[in-house]
């Protein structure tokens, strides 16, 4: 059983899984298989239709079979990868095997990147923090105030100030000359969540 760290899970790698090499004659074999399945299906359908007394143009029947096989092939190519059945490689307790398709760009990863990258860009530049992060935090505060109390900082400043608290109000209204530490940001986020 291999151990996977949190860094491995949260890192985004540009590496793509290596596709297995096509064997020689792979394309020719797949075309031959396609034509064979088309011919066999057409023969069975013609025999079945004649058995019940129906006649249909052979060209229409072949076109229908080819269309159905092509649609089936396209759907198979576009389908998400199937979940593996519980096997010896799966972990006990329903845990995943540690492999994740980061190309799918799940919502949590998108949300994390929405904050992580701008915070990284503002690491040593207070003016960037004031221009990029502070407006986002202010929007969050206004949205929480609007949803929970029906006010915003602009519509009712006195009530908004009382609901936010003096520390959060001053943080949002007066841009700091220094970038808050991660601990300070955690306190601010906690205060935002209490609104």
Protein backbone atom coordinates (compact mmCIF):
# COMPACT_ATOMS: atom_id res chain seq x y z
CA UNK A 1 0.00 0.00 0.00
CA UNK A 2 1.56 3.33 -1.03
CA UNK A 3 1.36 6.43 1.10
CA UNK A 4 0.17 9.68 -0.48
CA UNK A 5 0.88 13.02 1.15
CA UNK A 6 -1.46 16.01 1.14
CA UNK A 7 1.03 17.83 -1.08
CA UNK A 8 0.77 15.05 -3.64
CA UNK A 9 -3.01 15.27 -3.58
CA UNK A 10 -3.16 19.05 -3.92
CA UNK A 11 -0.38 19.50 -6.47
CA UNK A 12 -1.35 19.98 -10.07
CA UNK A 13 0.89 18.26 -12.52
CA UNK A 14 1.01 18.91 -16.23
CA UNK A 15 1.97 15.30 -16.81
CA UNK A 16 -0.50 13.31 -18.79
CA UNK A 17 -0.93 9.58 -18.39
CA UNK A 18 1.02 7.68 -21.00
CA UNK A 19 -1.24 6.13 -23.58
CA UNK A 20 -0.44 2.52 -24.40
CA UNK A 21 1.12 2.11 -27.81
CA UNK A 22 -1.14 0.93 -30.57
CA UNK A 23 -0.14 -2.46 -31.86
CA UNK A 24 0.77 -2.81 -35.49
CA UNK A 25 -2.28 -3.06 -37.63
CA UNK A 26 -4.38 -1.54 -34.85
CA UNK A 27 -6.25 0.80 -37.17
CA UNK A 28 -6.66 -1.84 -39.85
CA UNK A 29 -7.87 -4.34 -37.26
CA UNK A 30 -10.42 -1.87 -35.84
CA UNK A 31 -11.77 -1.05 -39.33
CA UNK A 32 -12.04 -4.77 -40.13
CA UNK A 33 -13.82 -5.38 -36.81
CA UNK A 34 -16.21 -2.50 -37.49
CA UNK A 35 -17.04 -3.82 -40.96
CA UNK A 36 -17.44 -7.37 -39.63
CA UNK A 37 -19.82 -6.26 -36.87
CA UNK A 38 -21.75 -4.15 -39.38
CA UNK A 39 -22.09 -7.07 -41.80
CA UNK A 40 -23.07 -9.55 -39.07
CA UNK A 41 -25.64 -7.19 -37.55
CA UNK A 42 -27.10 -6.44 -40.98
CA UNK A 43 -27.42 -10.16 -41.82
CA UNK A 44 -29.16 -10.85 -38.51
CA UNK A 45 -31.53 -7.91 -38.97
CA UNK A 46 -32.38 -8.89 -42.57
CA UNK A 47 -33.09 -12.47 -41.46
CA UNK A 48 -35.19 -11.26 -38.52
CA UNK A 49 -37.19 -8.82 -40.62
CA UNK A 50 -37.84 -11.43 -43.34
CA UNK A 51 -38.90 -13.94 -40.68
CA UNK A 52 -41.68 -11.59 -39.58
CA UNK A 53 -42.58 -10.72 -43.18
CA UNK A 54 -41.05 -7.24 -43.44
CA UNK A 55 -38.79 -5.99 -46.19
CA UNK A 56 -36.51 -3.00 -45.88
CA UNK A 57 -33.99 -1.53 -48.29
CA UNK A 58 -30.56 -3.03 -47.66
CA UNK A 59 -28.94 0.40 -48.05
CA UNK A 60 -31.21 1.91 -45.35
CA UNK A 61 -30.56 -1.02 -43.04
CA UNK A 62 -26.77 -0.80 -43.46
CA UNK A 63 -26.88 2.99 -42.95
CA UNK A 64 -28.89 2.52 -39.73
CA UNK A 65 -26.47 -0.11 -38.40
CA UNK A 66 -23.41 2.03 -39.25
CA UNK A 67 -25.02 5.05 -37.62
CA UNK A 68 -25.82 3.14 -34.43
CA UNK A 69 -22.31 1.68 -34.24
CA UNK A 70 -20.74 5.12 -34.76
CA UNK A 71 -22.96 6.69 -32.10
CA UNK A 72 -22.06 3.86 -29.73
CA UNK A 73 -18.35 4.42 -30.41
CA UNK A 74 -18.62 8.21 -29.87
CA UNK A 75 -20.54 7.75 -26.62
CA UNK A 76 -17.92 5.27 -25.41
CA UNK A 77 -15.12 7.74 -26.19
CA UNK A 78 -16.89 10.63 -24.43
CA UNK A 79 -18.00 8.69 -21.38
CA UNK A 80 -16.18 9.41 -18.11
CA UNK A 81 -13.83 6.71 -16.91
CA UNK A 82 -15.72 3.95 -15.18
CA UNK A 83 -15.28 3.52 -11.45
CA UNK A 84 -13.31 0.47 -10.63
CA UNK A 85 -15.13 -2.31 -8.87
CA UNK A 86 -13.92 -3.00 -5.33
CA UNK A 87 -10.82 -5.04 -5.89
CA UNK A 88 -7.52 -5.85 -4.30
CA UNK A 89 -6.17 -2.44 -5.34
CA UNK A 90 -8.87 -0.45 -3.55
CA UNK A 91 -8.32 0.69 -0.01
CA UNK A 92 -10.39 -0.47 2.92
CA UNK A 93 -13.11 1.77 4.25
CA UNK A 94 -14.13 3.14 0.86
CA UNK A 95 -11.10 5.38 0.44
CA UNK A 96 -9.97 6.29 -3.03
CA UNK A 97 -6.72 4.96 -4.42
CA UNK A 98 -5.07 8.40 -4.39
CA UNK A 99 -5.30 8.91 -8.14
CA UNK A 100 -7.39 11.87 -9.16
CA UNK A 101 -8.21 13.43 -12.48
CA UNK A 102 -7.13 17.03 -11.91
CA UNK A 103 -8.06 17.82 -15.49
CA UNK A 104 -11.69 17.58 -14.41
CA UNK A 105 -11.11 20.79 -12.40
CA UNK A 106 -13.46 20.18 -9.56
CA UNK A 107 -15.16 23.09 -7.82
CA UNK A 108 -13.05 22.85 -4.65
CA UNK A 109 -9.83 23.09 -6.65
CA UNK A 110 -11.19 26.07 -8.59
CA UNK A 111 -12.18 27.82 -5.35
CA UNK A 112 -8.79 27.18 -3.78
CA UNK A 113 -6.99 28.53 -6.85
CA UNK A 114 -9.30 31.55 -6.83
CA UNK A 115 -7.70 32.60 -3.52
CA UNK A 116 -4.33 30.85 -3.56
CA UNK A 117 -2.92 32.47 -6.69
CA UNK A 118 -3.85 36.08 -5.87
CA UNK A 119 -2.57 35.64 -2.32
CA UNK A 120 0.71 34.34 -3.70
CA UNK A 121 0.98 37.33 -6.07
CA UNK A 122 0.52 39.75 -3.17
CA UNK A 123 3.06 38.10 -0.88
CA UNK A 124 5.50 41.04 -0.77
CA UNK A 125 3.43 43.77 -2.39
CA UNK A 126 0.93 45.54 -0.08
CA UNK A 127 -0.52 47.56 -2.96
CA UNK A 128 -1.48 44.36 -4.76
CA UNK A 129 -3.13 43.07 -1.59
CA UNK A 130 -5.13 46.30 -1.37
CA UNK A 131 -6.17 46.08 -5.03
CA UNK A 132 -6.79 42.35 -5.35
CA UNK A 133 -7.66 40.71 -2.03
CA UNK A 134 -9.26 43.49 -0.01
CA UNK A 135 -12.07 44.09 -2.56
CA UNK A 136 -12.85 40.35 -2.57
CA UNK A 137 -13.05 40.27 1.21
CA UNK A 138 -15.23 43.38 1.20
CA UNK A 139 -17.57 41.75 -1.33
CA UNK A 140 -17.79 38.68 0.87
CA UNK A 141 -18.58 40.80 3.90
CA UNK A 142 -21.26 42.75 2.00
CA UNK A 143 -22.80 39.56 0.66
CA UNK A 144 -22.94 37.94 4.09
CA UNK A 145 -24.42 41.12 5.59
CA UNK A 146 -27.00 41.29 2.80
CA UNK A 147 -27.99 37.64 3.09
CA UNK A 148 -28.15 37.42 6.88
CA UNK A 149 -29.17 40.96 7.89
CA UNK A 150 -30.49 42.71 4.77
CA UNK A 151 -27.88 45.50 4.79
CA UNK A 152 -24.58 46.33 3.15
CA UNK A 153 -21.76 48.60 4.22
CA UNK A 154 -23.00 51.17 1.72
CA UNK A 155 -26.74 50.98 2.44
CA UNK A 156 -26.53 51.22 6.26
CA UNK A 157 -22.96 51.93 7.40
CA UNK A 158 -23.79 52.30 11.09
CA UNK A 159 -25.59 48.95 11.35
CA UNK A 160 -23.00 47.24 9.14
CA UNK A 161 -20.22 48.55 11.38
CA UNK A 162 -21.97 47.22 14.46
CA UNK A 163 -22.54 43.81 12.83
CA UNK A 164 -18.98 43.52 11.47
CA UNK A 165 -17.23 44.65 14.62
CA UNK A 166 -14.64 47.38 14.89
CA UNK A 167 -11.64 45.26 13.87
CA UNK A 168 -13.20 43.89 10.68
CA UNK A 169 -14.75 47.27 9.81
CA UNK A 170 -11.39 49.04 10.06
CA UNK A 171 -9.64 46.29 8.11
CA UNK A 172 -12.11 46.61 5.21
CA UNK A 173 -12.36 50.41 5.23
CA UNK A 174 -8.74 51.48 5.76
CA UNK A 175 -6.15 49.81 3.56
CA UNK A 176 -3.20 48.58 5.55
CA UNK A 177 0.34 49.56 4.69
CA UNK A 178 1.48 46.03 5.40
CA UNK A 179 0.19 42.67 4.31
CA UNK A 180 -1.62 40.84 7.10
CA UNK A 181 0.04 37.66 8.30
CA UNK A 182 -1.65 34.32 7.63
CA UNK A 183 -2.71 34.25 11.29
CA UNK A 184 -4.33 37.71 10.96
CA UNK A 185 -6.10 36.63 7.76
CA UNK A 186 -7.39 33.52 9.52
CA UNK A 187 -8.86 35.71 12.28
CA UNK A 188 -10.47 38.00 9.69
CA UNK A 189 -11.96 35.05 7.81
CA UNK A 190 -13.28 33.63 11.10
CA UNK A 191 -14.92 36.98 11.86
CA UNK A 192 -16.43 37.05 8.36
CA UNK A 193 -17.88 33.59 8.94
CA UNK A 194 -19.51 34.74 12.19
CA UNK A 195 -21.53 37.44 10.45
